[in-house]
Amino acid sequence: MLARTHGQAATPTTFGKELAVFAHRLSGVLGRIDVGDYPGKFNGATGTYSAHVAAWPDADWPAISREFVEGLGLRWNPLTTQIESHDGQVALFQMLQHTGRIAHNLCTDVWTYISLGYLRQIPVEGTTGSSTMPHKINPIRFENAEANLEVASGLLDTLQATLSTSRLQRDLTDSSMQRTIGMALGHQLVAWKNILRGLGEVDIDAAAMDADLEANQEVLAEAIQTVIRAEIVQGNSSITDPYDVVKGLTRGHRVTPETFAAFIDGLDISQTGKDRLRALSPQTYTGLADDLVDFLGR
């Protein structure tokens, strides 16, 4: 598949590798959520153990408090006001918002691949593709997911900002604000359901990808100028500016395999270098893309 950097034709990649990038990004954030460090407190109305000490003055209240809190699977917070400071919640909401942003990026990329024709949408029986144009199948799953992720992100951002602050010992803004946690998570859940459903309703159009690769032979320019540099290092070339040499051939121009073959034949490099370049095509110039997918989960 032709890659796109700045929206322009770029060094080829594979669709699997591009999806693996999103899976890898998500697994990193989800891993941090799984080992989340969430604090709790048990130290009285203003965090001083006043009532505790008044009732049982000889007890080791910090030790008792720590044992109780850690027994709930939480990290003991020894210094609080009337409330635990919500920093653990804020950290969780930051990570959840991050997963939503990654998912949003996935939606926009898949939407673009559909627009480019790299992915075709599978017709679903009984659905309306467009209100007025019967030929269309709109990528509504990904658009719906984007909207829900934006709402979730806004709510999570507000939760982070509000829960980070409490007037003096305590006010009730946190109580009111925490009632929106379920709404934020609900919007994310709706988005993920749409993403999963949407991914199940698309298929790769290999012919469209191949045609785009074939029409953009100039993406091999990177390989040519890099091989020339390697030849210079090995003393096999007198070229002084490989980038400029290849730029003159490719920038702003459409080139053909024949154009490249003639250009390679005229290069001041070794026969081995020429043979390596002649063997390349946009379809095979994917480096280690296939192998990189196997790094998932490592």
Protein backbone atom coordinates (compact mmCIF):
# COMPACT_ATOMS: atom_id res chain seq x y z
CA MET A 1 0.00 0.00 0.00
CA LEU A 2 1.22 3.48 -0.82
CA ALA A 3 1.93 5.41 2.36
CA ARG A 4 0.94 9.05 2.67
CA THR A 5 3.07 11.62 4.46
CA HIS A 6 1.62 15.14 4.48
CA GLY A 7 -1.07 13.61 2.28
CA GLN A 8 1.47 12.97 -0.49
CA ALA A 9 2.65 9.70 -2.01
CA ALA A 10 5.43 8.28 0.16
CA THR A 11 7.48 5.14 0.78
CA PRO A 12 5.15 2.10 0.55
CA THR A 13 3.96 0.24 3.63
CA THR A 14 1.41 -2.51 4.32
CA PHE A 15 -2.10 -2.13 5.68
CA GLY A 16 -1.32 -4.68 8.37
CA LYS A 17 1.66 -2.71 9.61
CA GLU A 18 -0.38 0.50 9.74
CA LEU A 19 -3.09 -1.17 11.84
CA ALA A 20 -0.40 -2.75 14.02
CA VAL A 21 0.82 0.75 14.90
CA PHE A 22 -2.59 1.57 16.39
CA ALA A 23 -2.77 -1.75 18.24
CA HIS A 24 0.71 -1.15 19.65
CA ARG A 25 -0.17 2.39 20.77
CA LEU A 26 -3.35 1.21 22.46
CA SER A 27 -1.66 -1.71 24.20
CA GLY A 28 0.89 0.66 25.72
CA VAL A 29 -1.77 2.89 27.30
CA LEU A 30 -3.99 -0.03 28.32
CA GLY A 31 -0.99 -1.66 29.99
CA ARG A 32 -0.56 1.43 32.15
CA ILE A 33 -4.27 1.38 33.02
CA ASP A 34 -4.04 -2.29 34.02
CA VAL A 35 -1.29 -1.57 36.54
CA GLY A 36 -2.89 1.69 37.64
CA ASP A 37 -1.88 3.00 41.04
CA TYR A 38 -5.09 4.18 42.70
CA PRO A 39 -4.88 5.76 46.16
CA GLY A 40 -7.25 5.63 49.10
CA LYS A 41 -7.40 7.17 52.57
CA PHE A 42 -8.70 6.38 56.07
CA ASN A 43 -7.70 9.29 58.33
CA GLY A 44 -10.78 11.14 59.48
CA ALA A 45 -12.83 14.20 58.65
CA THR A 46 -9.88 16.51 57.93
CA GLY A 47 -7.10 13.96 57.43
CA THR A 48 -5.70 14.26 60.99
CA TYR A 49 -6.96 11.08 62.74
CA SER A 50 -8.45 13.36 65.42
CA ALA A 51 -11.49 11.24 66.23
CA HIS A 52 -9.46 8.05 65.96
CA VAL A 53 -6.92 9.24 68.52
CA ALA A 54 -9.65 10.55 70.83
CA ALA A 55 -11.29 7.12 70.90
CA TRP A 56 -8.16 4.94 71.07
CA PRO A 57 -5.15 7.15 71.82
CA ASP A 58 -2.64 4.28 72.08
CA ALA A 59 -3.38 2.75 68.67
CA ASP A 60 -0.94 3.11 65.80
CA TRP A 61 -3.47 4.74 63.51
CA PRO A 62 -1.22 5.31 60.48
CA ALA A 63 -0.29 1.61 60.50
CA ILE A 64 -3.94 0.54 60.94
CA SER A 65 -5.02 2.93 58.19
CA ARG A 66 -2.36 1.66 55.81
CA GLU A 67 -3.25 -2.00 56.41
CA PHE A 68 -6.94 -1.29 55.84
CA VAL A 69 -6.47 0.75 52.65
CA GLU A 70 -3.92 -1.62 51.12
CA GLY A 71 -6.24 -4.51 52.02
CA LEU A 72 -8.71 -3.01 49.54
CA GLY A 73 -6.09 -3.16 46.78
CA LEU A 74 -5.42 0.58 46.89
CA ARG A 75 -2.27 2.58 47.56
CA TRP A 76 -2.36 4.18 50.99
CA ASN A 77 -2.35 7.99 50.87
CA PRO A 78 -1.02 9.32 54.22
CA LEU A 79 -1.62 13.01 53.50
CA THR A 80 -5.07 14.19 52.51
CA THR A 81 -7.79 16.68 53.40
CA GLN A 82 -11.31 15.45 54.12
CA ILE A 83 -11.21 13.77 50.73
CA GLU A 84 -8.64 11.72 48.89
CA SER A 85 -7.27 14.21 46.38
CA HIS A 86 -8.61 12.45 43.26
CA ASP A 87 -5.18 12.43 41.63
CA GLY A 88 -5.56 8.71 40.94
CA GLN A 89 -8.84 9.36 39.14
CA VAL A 90 -7.31 12.22 37.19
CA ALA A 91 -4.46 9.96 36.04
CA LEU A 92 -6.99 7.30 34.97
CA PHE A 93 -9.08 9.80 33.04
CA GLN A 94 -5.96 11.12 31.29
CA MET A 95 -5.13 7.60 30.13
CA LEU A 96 -8.72 6.91 29.05
CA GLN A 97 -8.74 10.18 27.12
CA HIS A 98 -5.47 9.11 25.50
CA THR A 99 -6.99 5.81 24.33
CA GLY A 100 -9.88 7.81 22.88
CA ARG A 101 -7.52 10.06 20.96
CA ILE A 102 -5.71 7.04 19.52
CA ALA A 103 -9.06 5.54 18.53
CA HIS A 104 -10.07 8.85 16.95
CA ASN A 105 -6.86 8.79 14.90
CA LEU A 106 -7.70 5.24 13.80
CA CYS A 107 -11.14 6.40 12.64
CA THR A 108 -9.77 9.29 10.60
CA ASP A 109 -7.16 7.07 8.94
CA VAL A 110 -9.64 4.30 8.07
CA TRP A 111 -12.08 6.95 6.78
CA THR A 112 -9.27 8.28 4.56
CA TYR A 113 -8.36 4.80 3.30
CA ILE A 114 -12.02 4.34 2.32
CA SER A 115 -11.95 7.73 0.56
CA LEU A 116 -8.79 6.76 -1.32
CA GLY A 117 -10.37 3.47 -2.40
CA TYR A 118 -7.85 1.33 -0.50
CA LEU A 119 -10.74 -0.08 1.53
CA ARG A 120 -14.14 -0.93 0.11
CA GLN A 121 -17.23 -1.03 2.28
CA ILE A 122 -19.25 -4.23 2.32
CA PRO A 123 -22.95 -3.55 1.65
CA VAL A 124 -25.17 -4.47 4.61
CA GLU A 125 -28.61 -5.77 3.75
CA GLY A 126 -31.41 -3.34 4.53
CA THR A 127 -29.23 -0.29 5.20
CA THR A 128 -29.43 3.08 3.42
CA GLY A 129 -26.07 4.17 2.07
CA SER A 130 -27.05 7.78 1.43
CA SER A 131 -30.27 9.75 1.83
CA THR A 132 -30.32 10.81 -1.85
CA MET A 133 -27.53 8.97 -3.69
CA PRO A 134 -28.24 5.21 -3.87
CA HIS A 135 -24.74 4.34 -5.10
CA LYS A 136 -23.06 5.51 -1.90
CA ILE A 137 -22.12 3.68 1.26
CA ASN A 138 -21.19 6.29 3.84
CA PRO A 139 -18.53 5.39 6.46
CA ILE A 140 -20.99 6.18 9.24
CA ARG A 141 -19.51 3.78 11.81
CA PHE A 142 -16.26 5.70 11.91
CA GLU A 143 -17.93 9.11 11.76
CA ASN A 144 -20.23 8.15 14.63
CA ALA A 145 -17.26 6.88 16.61
CA GLU A 146 -15.39 10.14 16.04
CA ALA A 147 -18.32 12.15 17.41
CA ASN A 148 -18.70 9.97 20.50
CA LEU A 149 -14.96 10.06 21.14
CA GLU A 150 -14.99 13.86 20.97
CA VAL A 151 -17.79 14.01 23.55
CA ALA A 152 -15.99 11.52 25.79
CA SER A 153 -12.74 13.45 25.49
CA GLY A 154 -14.45 16.70 26.45
CA LEU A 155 -16.08 15.13 29.50
CA LEU A 156 -12.87 13.42 30.59
CA ASP A 157 -10.97 16.69 30.20
CA THR A 158 -13.54 18.48 32.35
CA LEU A 159 -13.36 15.72 34.96
CA GLN A 160 -9.58 16.05 35.13
CA ALA A 161 -9.69 19.82 35.52
CA THR A 162 -12.47 19.87 38.11
CA LEU A 163 -11.38 16.94 40.24
CA SER A 164 -7.85 18.32 40.53
CA THR A 165 -9.17 21.15 42.73
CA SER A 166 -11.18 21.20 45.96
CA ARG A 167 -11.67 24.34 48.04
CA LEU A 168 -9.75 24.06 51.30
CA GLN A 169 -10.78 20.85 53.04
CA ARG A 170 -13.79 19.97 50.91
CA ASP A 171 -16.53 21.19 48.60
CA LEU A 172 -19.14 19.27 46.68
CA THR A 173 -18.10 20.09 43.12
CA ASP A 174 -16.39 16.70 42.98
CA SER A 175 -19.58 14.89 43.96
CA SER A 176 -21.57 16.56 41.19
CA MET A 177 -18.80 16.14 38.64
CA GLN A 178 -18.29 12.43 39.29
CA ARG A 179 -21.87 11.80 38.20
CA THR A 180 -20.66 12.33 34.61
CA ILE A 181 -18.04 9.54 34.75
CA GLY A 182 -20.53 6.98 33.47
CA MET A 183 -21.54 9.28 30.63
CA ALA A 184 -17.93 9.74 29.54
CA LEU A 185 -17.26 6.01 29.60
CA GLY A 186 -20.58 5.35 27.86
CA HIS A 187 -19.65 7.57 24.92
CA GLN A 188 -16.30 5.78 24.61
CA LEU A 189 -18.05 2.42 24.69
CA VAL A 190 -20.47 3.45 21.93
CA ALA A 191 -17.46 4.61 19.88
CA TRP A 192 -15.60 1.32 20.30
CA LYS A 193 -18.70 -0.67 19.32
CA ASN A 194 -18.96 1.40 16.14
CA ILE A 195 -15.25 1.01 15.37
CA LEU A 196 -15.40 -2.77 15.75
CA ARG A 197 -18.55 -2.97 13.67
CA GLY A 198 -17.07 -0.66 11.04
CA LEU A 199 -13.88 -2.70 10.75
CA GLY A 200 -16.02 -5.75 10.18
CA GLU A 201 -17.76 -4.03 7.27
CA VAL A 202 -14.70 -3.12 5.19
CA ASP A 203 -12.35 -5.13 3.02
CA ILE A 204 -9.01 -4.39 1.41
CA ASP A 205 -9.12 -3.46 -2.27
CA ALA A 206 -5.77 -4.87 -3.32
CA ALA A 207 -6.29 -3.88 -6.95
CA ALA A 208 -6.80 -0.22 -6.01
CA MET A 209 -3.70 -0.28 -3.83
CA ASP A 210 -1.66 -1.87 -6.61
CA ALA A 211 -2.85 0.64 -9.19
CA ASP A 212 -1.86 3.52 -6.91
CA LEU A 213 1.58 2.01 -6.37
CA GLU A 214 2.04 1.52 -10.09
CA ALA A 215 1.10 5.14 -10.76
CA ASN A 216 3.63 6.48 -8.25
CA GLN A 217 6.95 5.00 -9.29
CA GLU A 218 8.68 8.11 -7.93
CA VAL A 219 8.45 6.71 -4.39
CA LEU A 220 11.51 4.63 -5.31
CA ALA A 221 13.55 7.85 -5.31
CA GLU A 222 14.30 7.38 -1.63
CA ALA A 223 15.79 3.94 -2.28
CA ILE A 224 17.90 5.18 -5.20
CA GLN A 225 19.48 8.13 -3.36
CA THR A 226 20.11 5.96 -0.27
CA VAL A 227 21.82 3.22 -2.30
CA ILE A 228 23.94 5.89 -4.00
CA ARG A 229 25.06 7.11 -0.55
CA ALA A 230 26.02 3.56 0.39
CA GLU A 231 27.98 3.27 -2.86
CA ILE A 232 29.82 6.53 -2.09
CA VAL A 233 30.81 5.23 1.34
CA GLN A 234 32.15 2.05 -0.28
CA GLY A 235 34.15 4.09 -2.81
CA ASN A 236 32.01 2.94 -5.74
CA SER A 237 30.68 6.35 -6.84
CA SER A 238 31.90 9.90 -7.51
CA ILE A 239 28.43 11.45 -7.13
CA THR A 240 28.58 14.37 -4.68
CA ASP A 241 24.88 15.06 -4.01
CA PRO A 242 22.69 11.96 -4.43
CA TYR A 243 19.56 13.74 -3.19
CA ASP A 244 19.87 16.48 -5.80
CA VAL A 245 20.55 13.98 -8.59
CA VAL A 246 17.37 12.01 -7.88
CA LYS A 247 15.31 15.12 -7.13
CA GLY A 248 15.94 16.38 -10.64
CA LEU A 249 14.39 13.22 -12.04
CA THR A 250 11.40 12.85 -9.76
CA ARG A 251 10.23 16.06 -8.10
CA GLY A 252 7.07 17.31 -9.76
CA HIS A 253 7.26 14.57 -12.39
CA ARG A 254 5.53 11.27 -12.99
CA VAL A 255 8.05 8.60 -13.89
CA THR A 256 7.68 5.12 -15.35
CA PRO A 257 9.56 1.87 -14.67
CA GLU A 258 11.31 2.44 -17.99
CA THR A 259 12.38 5.94 -16.95
CA PHE A 260 13.85 4.56 -13.74
CA ALA A 261 15.61 1.71 -15.53
CA ALA A 262 17.32 4.13 -17.92
CA PHE A 263 18.22 6.45 -15.03
CA ILE A 264 19.72 3.58 -13.01
CA ASP A 265 21.75 2.42 -16.02
CA GLY A 266 23.34 5.87 -16.24
CA LEU A 267 24.28 6.14 -12.55
CA ASP A 268 27.91 6.14 -11.47
CA ILE A 269 27.57 3.20 -9.07
CA SER A 270 28.64 -0.44 -9.05
CA GLN A 271 26.88 -3.13 -11.05
CA THR A 272 25.80 -4.74 -7.77
CA GLY A 273 24.14 -1.49 -6.72
CA LYS A 274 22.40 -1.17 -10.07
CA ASP A 275 21.11 -4.76 -9.87
CA ARG A 276 19.74 -4.12 -6.37
CA LEU A 277 17.89 -1.04 -7.57
CA ARG A 278 16.52 -2.70 -10.72
CA ALA A 279 15.00 -5.44 -8.55
CA LEU A 280 12.91 -2.92 -6.65
CA SER A 281 9.33 -1.93 -7.40
CA PRO A 282 6.82 0.09 -5.41
CA GLN A 283 5.07 -3.20 -4.60
CA THR A 284 8.21 -4.76 -3.08
CA TYR A 285 9.74 -1.66 -1.49
CA THR A 286 8.25 -2.32 1.95
CA GLY A 287 11.35 -3.09 3.98
CA LEU A 288 10.49 -5.07 7.12
CA ALA A 289 6.82 -4.07 7.22
CA ASP A 290 5.57 -7.67 7.29
CA ASP A 291 7.92 -8.64 10.12
CA LEU A 292 7.14 -5.56 12.19
CA VAL A 293 3.60 -6.79 12.82
CA ASP A 294 5.13 -9.61 14.88
CA PHE A 295 6.46 -7.07 17.38
CA LEU A 296 2.92 -6.64 18.73
CA GLY A 297 2.77 -7.74 22.34
CA ARG A 298 6.53 -7.78 22.85
